[in-house]
Amino acid sequence: MYKKHKIMTVIIKPNDSKAEIEKQLKKLKPGKGFNTKKYFGKIKWGQDAVEYQRELREE
């Protein structure tokens, strides 16, 4: 099943006041969060994460 994600853009003009910017930001609705705790600790890596990053950067 394919779901199209809605993206909202707020355009802030250089001459907008702080109150106008805050008003525009309040119009934004927070998206549905992602529960990261559900997957925490589920993937078993064969090596330390820092060592893996260092390997990738050296290549």
Protein backbone atom coordinates (compact mmCIF):
# COMPACT_ATOMS: atom_id res chain seq x y z
CA MET A 1 0.00 0.00 0.00
CA TYR A 2 1.36 3.41 -0.94
CA LYS A 3 0.67 6.44 1.22
CA LYS A 4 1.52 9.90 0.05
CA HIS A 5 3.15 11.99 2.78
CA LYS A 6 1.93 15.53 3.20
CA ILE A 7 4.63 18.17 3.38
CA MET A 8 3.88 21.68 4.52
CA THR A 9 6.15 24.58 3.70
CA VAL A 10 6.20 27.87 5.55
CA ILE A 11 7.58 30.79 3.57
CA ILE A 12 9.10 33.49 5.74
CA LYS A 13 9.71 36.79 4.02
CA PRO A 14 12.54 39.08 5.15
CA ASN A 15 10.08 41.80 6.19
CA ASP A 16 7.79 39.49 8.27
CA SER A 17 7.54 40.42 11.93
CA LYS A 18 8.24 37.96 14.72
CA ALA A 19 4.50 37.80 15.49
CA GLU A 20 3.66 36.91 11.86
CA ILE A 21 6.29 34.16 11.84
CA GLU A 22 4.98 32.70 15.10
CA LYS A 23 1.42 32.81 13.72
CA GLN A 24 2.50 30.84 10.63
CA LEU A 25 4.37 28.29 12.73
CA LYS A 26 1.35 27.72 14.99
CA LYS A 27 -0.66 26.72 11.91
CA LEU A 28 1.61 23.72 11.43
CA LYS A 29 0.23 20.47 12.72
CA PRO A 30 2.73 18.02 14.17
CA GLY A 31 3.07 14.81 12.22
CA LYS A 32 2.50 11.39 13.61
CA GLY A 33 5.57 10.37 15.57
CA PHE A 34 7.65 7.26 15.04
CA ASN A 35 8.06 4.94 18.00
CA THR A 36 11.80 4.20 18.02
CA LYS A 37 11.59 2.26 21.27
CA LYS A 38 9.76 -0.47 19.39
CA TYR A 39 12.92 -1.31 17.46
CA PHE A 40 15.56 -0.41 20.06
CA GLY A 41 18.05 -3.22 20.52
CA LYS A 42 16.47 -5.49 17.89
CA ILE A 43 19.28 -5.35 15.33
CA LYS A 44 22.41 -7.25 16.27
CA TRP A 45 25.55 -5.76 14.73
CA GLY A 46 28.69 -7.82 14.35
CA GLN A 47 30.89 -4.94 15.47
CA ASP A 48 30.93 -1.71 17.40
CA ALA A 49 29.08 1.18 15.70
CA VAL A 50 32.01 3.58 16.10
CA GLU A 51 34.42 1.07 14.55
CA TYR A 52 32.04 0.62 11.62
CA GLN A 53 31.87 4.38 11.03
CA ARG A 54 35.65 4.63 11.07
CA GLU A 55 35.92 1.84 8.49
CA LEU A 56 33.48 3.62 6.18
CA ARG A 57 35.30 6.94 6.45
CA GLU A 58 38.69 5.45 5.67
CA GLU A 59 37.50 4.00 2.37
